[in-house]
N, C-alpha and C. Protein backbone atom coordinates (compact mmCIF):
# COMPACT_ATOMS: atom_id res chain seq x y z
N MET A 1 58.97 -70.30 -1.63
CA MET A 1 59.30 -71.42 -2.48
C MET A 1 58.79 -72.70 -1.81
N ILE A 2 58.24 -73.54 -2.64
CA ILE A 2 57.70 -74.81 -2.13
C ILE A 2 58.37 -75.94 -2.90
N ASN A 3 58.82 -76.94 -2.19
CA ASN A 3 59.62 -77.99 -2.80
C ASN A 3 58.91 -79.33 -2.79
N TRP A 4 59.17 -80.09 -3.84
CA TRP A 4 58.69 -81.45 -3.96
C TRP A 4 59.35 -82.31 -2.90
N LYS A 5 58.57 -83.21 -2.32
CA LYS A 5 59.09 -84.20 -1.37
C LYS A 5 58.62 -85.56 -1.85
N GLU A 6 59.40 -86.56 -1.60
CA GLU A 6 59.01 -87.92 -2.00
C GLU A 6 57.72 -88.36 -1.32
N THR A 7 57.39 -87.76 -0.20
CA THR A 7 56.13 -88.12 0.48
C THR A 7 54.92 -87.71 -0.36
N TYR A 8 55.12 -86.86 -1.37
CA TYR A 8 54.04 -86.46 -2.27
C TYR A 8 53.83 -87.47 -3.41
N SER A 9 54.67 -88.48 -3.49
CA SER A 9 54.61 -89.44 -4.59
C SER A 9 53.29 -90.20 -4.60
N THR A 10 52.77 -90.39 -5.82
CA THR A 10 51.53 -91.14 -6.01
C THR A 10 51.78 -92.60 -6.36
N GLY A 11 53.03 -92.91 -6.71
CA GLY A 11 53.34 -94.25 -7.17
C GLY A 11 53.18 -94.40 -8.68
N VAL A 12 52.75 -93.33 -9.34
CA VAL A 12 52.62 -93.33 -10.81
C VAL A 12 53.60 -92.28 -11.32
N LYS A 13 54.65 -92.75 -11.99
CA LYS A 13 55.75 -91.85 -12.41
C LYS A 13 55.25 -90.65 -13.21
N GLU A 14 54.38 -90.88 -14.17
CA GLU A 14 53.88 -89.79 -15.01
C GLU A 14 53.18 -88.71 -14.18
N LEU A 15 52.36 -89.13 -13.23
CA LEU A 15 51.67 -88.16 -12.38
C LEU A 15 52.66 -87.40 -11.51
N ASP A 16 53.64 -88.11 -10.96
CA ASP A 16 54.63 -87.44 -10.12
C ASP A 16 55.44 -86.42 -10.92
N GLU A 17 55.78 -86.76 -12.15
CA GLU A 17 56.51 -85.81 -13.00
C GLU A 17 55.64 -84.58 -13.30
N GLN A 18 54.36 -84.80 -13.52
CA GLN A 18 53.46 -83.67 -13.76
C GLN A 18 53.34 -82.81 -12.50
N HIS A 19 53.27 -83.44 -11.35
CA HIS A 19 53.22 -82.69 -10.08
C HIS A 19 54.49 -81.85 -9.91
N LYS A 20 55.63 -82.47 -10.21
CA LYS A 20 56.91 -81.75 -10.09
C LYS A 20 56.92 -80.54 -11.01
N SER A 21 56.34 -80.68 -12.20
CA SER A 21 56.29 -79.52 -13.11
C SER A 21 55.41 -78.41 -12.56
N LEU A 22 54.35 -78.77 -11.82
CA LEU A 22 53.50 -77.76 -11.20
C LEU A 22 54.24 -77.07 -10.05
N PHE A 23 55.03 -77.82 -9.31
CA PHE A 23 55.86 -77.21 -8.27
C PHE A 23 56.81 -76.19 -8.91
N GLN A 24 57.48 -76.60 -9.99
CA GLN A 24 58.43 -75.70 -10.66
C GLN A 24 57.72 -74.47 -11.21
N PHE A 25 56.58 -74.67 -11.84
CA PHE A 25 55.80 -73.56 -12.37
C PHE A 25 55.43 -72.58 -11.26
N THR A 26 54.97 -73.12 -10.14
CA THR A 26 54.56 -72.27 -9.02
C THR A 26 55.74 -71.47 -8.48
N ASN A 27 56.89 -72.11 -8.37
CA ASN A 27 58.08 -71.40 -7.91
C ASN A 27 58.53 -70.34 -8.92
N ASP A 28 58.46 -70.67 -10.20
CA ASP A 28 58.82 -69.69 -11.23
C ASP A 28 57.87 -68.50 -11.20
N LEU A 29 56.60 -68.76 -11.01
CA LEU A 29 55.63 -67.67 -10.90
C LEU A 29 55.94 -66.81 -9.68
N GLY A 30 56.29 -67.44 -8.57
CA GLY A 30 56.67 -66.70 -7.37
C GLY A 30 57.88 -65.82 -7.61
N ASN A 31 58.87 -66.34 -8.33
CA ASN A 31 60.06 -65.56 -8.65
C ASN A 31 59.71 -64.36 -9.53
N SER A 32 58.82 -64.57 -10.50
CA SER A 32 58.38 -63.47 -11.36
C SER A 32 57.67 -62.39 -10.55
N LEU A 33 56.85 -62.80 -9.62
CA LEU A 33 56.15 -61.84 -8.77
C LEU A 33 57.14 -61.07 -7.90
N HIS A 34 58.13 -61.77 -7.40
CA HIS A 34 59.16 -61.12 -6.58
C HIS A 34 59.86 -60.02 -7.39
N GLU A 35 60.03 -60.29 -8.69
CA GLU A 35 60.68 -59.33 -9.59
C GLU A 35 59.68 -58.33 -10.17
N LYS A 36 58.41 -58.43 -9.73
CA LYS A 36 57.32 -57.55 -10.19
C LYS A 36 57.08 -57.68 -11.70
N ASP A 37 57.31 -58.88 -12.24
CA ASP A 37 57.10 -59.13 -13.67
C ASP A 37 55.69 -59.65 -13.90
N THR A 38 54.86 -58.83 -14.49
CA THR A 38 53.51 -59.27 -14.89
C THR A 38 53.33 -58.95 -16.38
N SER A 39 54.35 -59.25 -17.14
CA SER A 39 54.33 -58.97 -18.57
C SER A 39 53.28 -59.83 -19.29
N THR A 40 52.91 -59.38 -20.46
CA THR A 40 51.97 -60.13 -21.28
C THR A 40 52.52 -61.52 -21.59
N PHE A 41 53.83 -61.59 -21.84
CA PHE A 41 54.48 -62.88 -22.12
C PHE A 41 54.29 -63.84 -20.95
N LEU A 42 54.53 -63.36 -19.74
CA LEU A 42 54.34 -64.19 -18.55
C LEU A 42 52.88 -64.59 -18.41
N LEU A 43 52.00 -63.63 -18.59
CA LEU A 43 50.57 -63.88 -18.46
C LEU A 43 50.11 -64.97 -19.42
N MET A 44 50.47 -64.85 -20.67
CA MET A 44 50.05 -65.84 -21.66
C MET A 44 50.67 -67.20 -21.37
N GLY A 45 51.91 -67.22 -20.95
CA GLY A 45 52.57 -68.49 -20.60
C GLY A 45 51.90 -69.16 -19.41
N CYS A 46 51.52 -68.37 -18.43
CA CYS A 46 50.85 -68.88 -17.24
C CYS A 46 49.51 -69.51 -17.61
N LEU A 47 48.73 -68.78 -18.37
CA LEU A 47 47.42 -69.29 -18.76
C LEU A 47 47.54 -70.55 -19.60
N GLU A 48 48.47 -70.55 -20.54
CA GLU A 48 48.66 -71.71 -21.41
C GLU A 48 49.12 -72.93 -20.61
N PHE A 49 50.09 -72.74 -19.73
CA PHE A 49 50.57 -73.86 -18.91
C PHE A 49 49.42 -74.45 -18.11
N MET A 50 48.64 -73.59 -17.46
CA MET A 50 47.57 -74.10 -16.60
C MET A 50 46.48 -74.79 -17.39
N ARG A 51 46.14 -74.26 -18.56
CA ARG A 51 45.13 -74.94 -19.39
C ARG A 51 45.59 -76.35 -19.74
N LYS A 52 46.84 -76.47 -20.17
CA LYS A 52 47.38 -77.79 -20.54
C LYS A 52 47.45 -78.70 -19.32
N TYR A 53 47.89 -78.15 -18.21
CA TYR A 53 48.02 -78.95 -16.99
C TYR A 53 46.66 -79.51 -16.58
N ILE A 54 45.67 -78.64 -16.56
CA ILE A 54 44.32 -79.05 -16.16
C ILE A 54 43.80 -80.16 -17.08
N THR A 55 43.95 -79.97 -18.37
CA THR A 55 43.46 -80.95 -19.34
C THR A 55 44.20 -82.27 -19.24
N ASN A 56 45.51 -82.22 -19.28
CA ASN A 56 46.30 -83.45 -19.31
C ASN A 56 46.40 -84.14 -17.96
N HIS A 57 46.71 -83.38 -16.95
CA HIS A 57 46.98 -84.00 -15.65
C HIS A 57 45.72 -84.49 -14.95
N PHE A 58 44.71 -83.65 -14.88
CA PHE A 58 43.52 -84.04 -14.13
C PHE A 58 42.88 -85.28 -14.74
N ASP A 59 42.79 -85.34 -16.06
CA ASP A 59 42.21 -86.52 -16.71
C ASP A 59 43.02 -87.78 -16.39
N LYS A 60 44.34 -87.68 -16.49
CA LYS A 60 45.21 -88.83 -16.23
C LYS A 60 45.09 -89.27 -14.77
N GLU A 61 45.11 -88.30 -13.86
CA GLU A 61 45.04 -88.65 -12.45
C GLU A 61 43.70 -89.29 -12.08
N GLU A 62 42.62 -88.73 -12.59
CA GLU A 62 41.31 -89.30 -12.30
C GLU A 62 41.19 -90.71 -12.89
N SER A 63 41.75 -90.91 -14.06
CA SER A 63 41.75 -92.23 -14.68
C SER A 63 42.52 -93.24 -13.81
N CYS A 64 43.65 -92.82 -13.29
CA CYS A 64 44.45 -93.70 -12.43
C CYS A 64 43.71 -94.00 -11.13
N MET A 65 43.06 -93.00 -10.57
CA MET A 65 42.31 -93.22 -9.33
C MET A 65 41.24 -94.31 -9.53
N HIS A 66 40.58 -94.27 -10.69
CA HIS A 66 39.55 -95.28 -10.97
C HIS A 66 40.18 -96.64 -11.30
N LYS A 67 41.24 -96.62 -12.08
CA LYS A 67 41.92 -97.85 -12.47
C LYS A 67 42.38 -98.64 -11.24
N TYR A 68 42.91 -97.93 -10.25
CA TYR A 68 43.44 -98.60 -9.05
C TYR A 68 42.44 -98.62 -7.90
N SER A 69 41.18 -98.32 -8.20
CA SER A 69 40.09 -98.36 -7.21
C SER A 69 40.43 -97.58 -5.94
N CYS A 70 40.91 -96.38 -6.13
CA CYS A 70 41.27 -95.53 -4.99
C CYS A 70 39.99 -95.03 -4.32
N PRO A 71 39.82 -95.26 -3.03
CA PRO A 71 38.58 -94.88 -2.35
C PRO A 71 38.34 -93.37 -2.29
N ILE A 72 39.36 -92.58 -2.57
CA ILE A 72 39.22 -91.13 -2.48
C ILE A 72 39.03 -90.50 -3.88
N ALA A 73 38.75 -91.33 -4.88
CA ALA A 73 38.61 -90.86 -6.26
C ALA A 73 37.56 -89.75 -6.39
N GLY A 74 36.42 -89.90 -5.76
CA GLY A 74 35.37 -88.89 -5.84
C GLY A 74 35.79 -87.57 -5.23
N THR A 75 36.48 -87.64 -4.10
CA THR A 75 36.99 -86.44 -3.44
C THR A 75 37.99 -85.74 -4.36
N ASN A 76 38.82 -86.54 -5.02
CA ASN A 76 39.82 -86.00 -5.95
C ASN A 76 39.15 -85.28 -7.11
N THR A 77 38.15 -85.89 -7.69
CA THR A 77 37.43 -85.28 -8.81
C THR A 77 36.78 -83.96 -8.38
N GLN A 78 36.18 -83.94 -7.21
CA GLN A 78 35.55 -82.71 -6.71
C GLN A 78 36.60 -81.62 -6.49
N ALA A 79 37.74 -82.00 -5.95
CA ALA A 79 38.82 -81.02 -5.75
C ALA A 79 39.30 -80.47 -7.08
N HIS A 80 39.38 -81.31 -8.10
CA HIS A 80 39.78 -80.84 -9.42
C HIS A 80 38.75 -79.84 -9.97
N GLN A 81 37.48 -80.14 -9.77
CA GLN A 81 36.43 -79.21 -10.23
C GLN A 81 36.55 -77.87 -9.52
N ASN A 82 36.87 -77.89 -8.23
CA ASN A 82 37.07 -76.65 -7.48
C ASN A 82 38.28 -75.88 -8.02
N PHE A 83 39.33 -76.61 -8.35
CA PHE A 83 40.52 -75.98 -8.91
C PHE A 83 40.18 -75.30 -10.25
N ILE A 84 39.45 -76.01 -11.08
CA ILE A 84 39.07 -75.46 -12.39
C ILE A 84 38.25 -74.19 -12.22
N ARG A 85 37.32 -74.19 -11.28
CA ARG A 85 36.54 -72.97 -11.01
C ARG A 85 37.45 -71.81 -10.58
N ALA A 86 38.40 -72.10 -9.71
CA ALA A 86 39.33 -71.06 -9.25
C ALA A 86 40.17 -70.54 -10.41
N PHE A 87 40.65 -71.45 -11.26
CA PHE A 87 41.44 -71.02 -12.42
C PHE A 87 40.59 -70.19 -13.37
N ASN A 88 39.36 -70.62 -13.61
CA ASN A 88 38.47 -69.85 -14.50
C ASN A 88 38.23 -68.45 -13.97
N THR A 89 38.09 -68.31 -12.66
CA THR A 89 37.92 -66.99 -12.04
C THR A 89 39.17 -66.15 -12.25
N PHE A 90 40.33 -66.75 -12.05
CA PHE A 90 41.61 -66.07 -12.29
C PHE A 90 41.68 -65.58 -13.73
N GLU A 91 41.35 -66.45 -14.67
CA GLU A 91 41.41 -66.10 -16.09
C GLU A 91 40.40 -65.00 -16.43
N GLU A 92 39.21 -65.09 -15.88
CA GLU A 92 38.19 -64.06 -16.10
C GLU A 92 38.64 -62.71 -15.56
N ASP A 93 39.24 -62.72 -14.37
CA ASP A 93 39.73 -61.47 -13.78
C ASP A 93 40.78 -60.83 -14.68
N ILE A 94 41.69 -61.63 -15.19
CA ILE A 94 42.73 -61.11 -16.10
C ILE A 94 42.08 -60.54 -17.36
N ASN A 95 41.13 -61.27 -17.93
CA ASN A 95 40.47 -60.81 -19.16
C ASN A 95 39.65 -59.55 -18.94
N LYS A 96 39.18 -59.33 -17.73
CA LYS A 96 38.40 -58.13 -17.41
C LYS A 96 39.30 -56.93 -17.10
N GLY A 97 40.61 -57.15 -17.09
CA GLY A 97 41.52 -56.04 -16.85
C GLY A 97 41.87 -55.81 -15.39
N ALA A 98 41.69 -56.83 -14.55
CA ALA A 98 42.03 -56.70 -13.13
C ALA A 98 43.53 -56.43 -12.99
N ASP A 99 43.91 -55.88 -11.87
CA ASP A 99 45.31 -55.62 -11.57
C ASP A 99 46.10 -56.93 -11.70
N LYS A 100 47.00 -56.98 -12.67
CA LYS A 100 47.72 -58.23 -12.96
C LYS A 100 48.53 -58.71 -11.76
N TYR A 101 49.23 -57.78 -11.14
CA TYR A 101 50.10 -58.18 -10.03
C TYR A 101 49.29 -58.80 -8.89
N LYS A 102 48.22 -58.15 -8.49
CA LYS A 102 47.40 -58.67 -7.40
C LYS A 102 46.73 -59.98 -7.79
N THR A 103 46.30 -60.07 -9.03
CA THR A 103 45.65 -61.29 -9.49
C THR A 103 46.64 -62.45 -9.52
N PHE A 104 47.84 -62.19 -10.04
CA PHE A 104 48.89 -63.21 -10.04
C PHE A 104 49.26 -63.61 -8.61
N GLN A 105 49.35 -62.63 -7.72
CA GLN A 105 49.66 -62.93 -6.32
C GLN A 105 48.63 -63.87 -5.72
N GLY A 106 47.37 -63.57 -5.94
CA GLY A 106 46.30 -64.41 -5.42
C GLY A 106 46.35 -65.81 -6.00
N PHE A 107 46.60 -65.90 -7.29
CA PHE A 107 46.66 -67.22 -7.91
C PHE A 107 47.88 -67.99 -7.42
N HIS A 108 49.00 -67.30 -7.26
CA HIS A 108 50.21 -67.94 -6.76
C HIS A 108 49.96 -68.52 -5.37
N LYS A 109 49.34 -67.76 -4.51
CA LYS A 109 49.02 -68.23 -3.16
C LYS A 109 48.10 -69.45 -3.23
N PHE A 110 47.11 -69.39 -4.12
CA PHE A 110 46.20 -70.52 -4.32
C PHE A 110 46.99 -71.76 -4.73
N LEU A 111 47.93 -71.61 -5.68
CA LEU A 111 48.72 -72.75 -6.14
C LEU A 111 49.58 -73.34 -5.01
N GLU A 112 50.20 -72.48 -4.23
CA GLU A 112 51.02 -72.98 -3.13
C GLU A 112 50.17 -73.79 -2.15
N ASP A 113 49.02 -73.25 -1.81
CA ASP A 113 48.12 -73.97 -0.90
C ASP A 113 47.65 -75.28 -1.51
N TRP A 114 47.35 -75.25 -2.80
CA TRP A 114 46.88 -76.43 -3.52
C TRP A 114 47.92 -77.55 -3.48
N LEU A 115 49.17 -77.18 -3.72
CA LEU A 115 50.23 -78.18 -3.75
C LEU A 115 50.30 -78.95 -2.43
N VAL A 116 50.22 -78.24 -1.35
CA VAL A 116 50.32 -78.88 -0.05
C VAL A 116 49.02 -79.62 0.29
N ALA A 117 47.91 -78.92 0.18
CA ALA A 117 46.63 -79.50 0.61
C ALA A 117 46.14 -80.61 -0.31
N HIS A 118 46.24 -80.41 -1.60
CA HIS A 118 45.69 -81.41 -2.51
C HIS A 118 46.66 -82.58 -2.71
N ILE A 119 47.84 -82.28 -3.17
CA ILE A 119 48.79 -83.36 -3.45
C ILE A 119 49.17 -84.08 -2.16
N GLY A 120 49.43 -83.29 -1.12
CA GLY A 120 49.89 -83.86 0.14
C GLY A 120 48.85 -84.60 0.95
N SER A 121 47.55 -84.36 0.67
CA SER A 121 46.55 -85.04 1.48
C SER A 121 45.51 -85.81 0.67
N ILE A 122 45.46 -85.60 -0.64
CA ILE A 122 44.50 -86.35 -1.46
C ILE A 122 45.23 -87.27 -2.44
N ASP A 123 46.08 -86.69 -3.27
CA ASP A 123 46.75 -87.49 -4.30
C ASP A 123 47.58 -88.63 -3.73
N VAL A 124 48.16 -88.41 -2.57
CA VAL A 124 49.01 -89.46 -1.97
C VAL A 124 48.23 -90.73 -1.63
N HIS A 125 46.92 -90.64 -1.57
CA HIS A 125 46.10 -91.83 -1.31
C HIS A 125 46.16 -92.82 -2.48
N LEU A 126 46.66 -92.36 -3.60
CA LEU A 126 46.78 -93.25 -4.76
C LEU A 126 47.92 -94.26 -4.56
N ARG A 127 48.98 -93.86 -3.89
CA ARG A 127 50.17 -94.72 -3.74
C ARG A 127 49.85 -96.10 -3.18
N PRO A 128 49.15 -96.24 -2.06
CA PRO A 128 48.88 -97.60 -1.57
C PRO A 128 47.98 -98.40 -2.53
N CYS A 129 47.14 -97.72 -3.26
CA CYS A 129 46.26 -98.42 -4.24
C CYS A 129 47.08 -98.95 -5.40
N VAL A 130 48.06 -98.14 -5.85
CA VAL A 130 48.95 -98.59 -6.93
C VAL A 130 49.78 -99.75 -6.45
N ASN A 131 50.32 -99.63 -5.25
CA ASN A 131 51.15 -100.72 -4.69
C ASN A 131 50.35 -102.01 -4.54
N LYS A 132 49.11 -101.88 -4.09
CA LYS A 132 48.25 -103.06 -3.94
C LYS A 132 47.92 -103.67 -5.30
N GLY A 133 47.70 -102.81 -6.31
CA GLY A 133 47.37 -103.29 -7.64
C GLY A 133 48.52 -103.95 -8.35
N SER A 134 49.76 -103.65 -7.91
CA SER A 134 50.92 -104.25 -8.59
C SER A 134 51.41 -105.52 -7.89
N GLU A 135 50.71 -105.92 -6.83
CA GLU A 135 51.13 -107.14 -6.11
C GLU A 135 50.74 -108.38 -6.87
């Protein structure tokens, strides 16, 4: 289980709420894996959540990075592109009939790593830019 910390805050409430929802989703997916649940219902919900998250969150976050002239905006965009490629591979594996449990496990591990590495070391660079922009 991975928990939200205030140190992950970007200074933009909407983005932080979206990040918190990804933390919750990741933990819920971990719980499902612990229970060995790889049902079609879970699979479809996972794919749908991630598609919406990618579309809504990444666009909003990239827009905020540019709006507040965050110097790490390009790095953030590249990281998002890498995430999308990883998600597309996950989705392709599922569509090809890969072992659901192993595929979900791999994606869950990817999400846990992403939360710490991306949010904790890239997204947090937005906070001082937002603070500077609101002065």
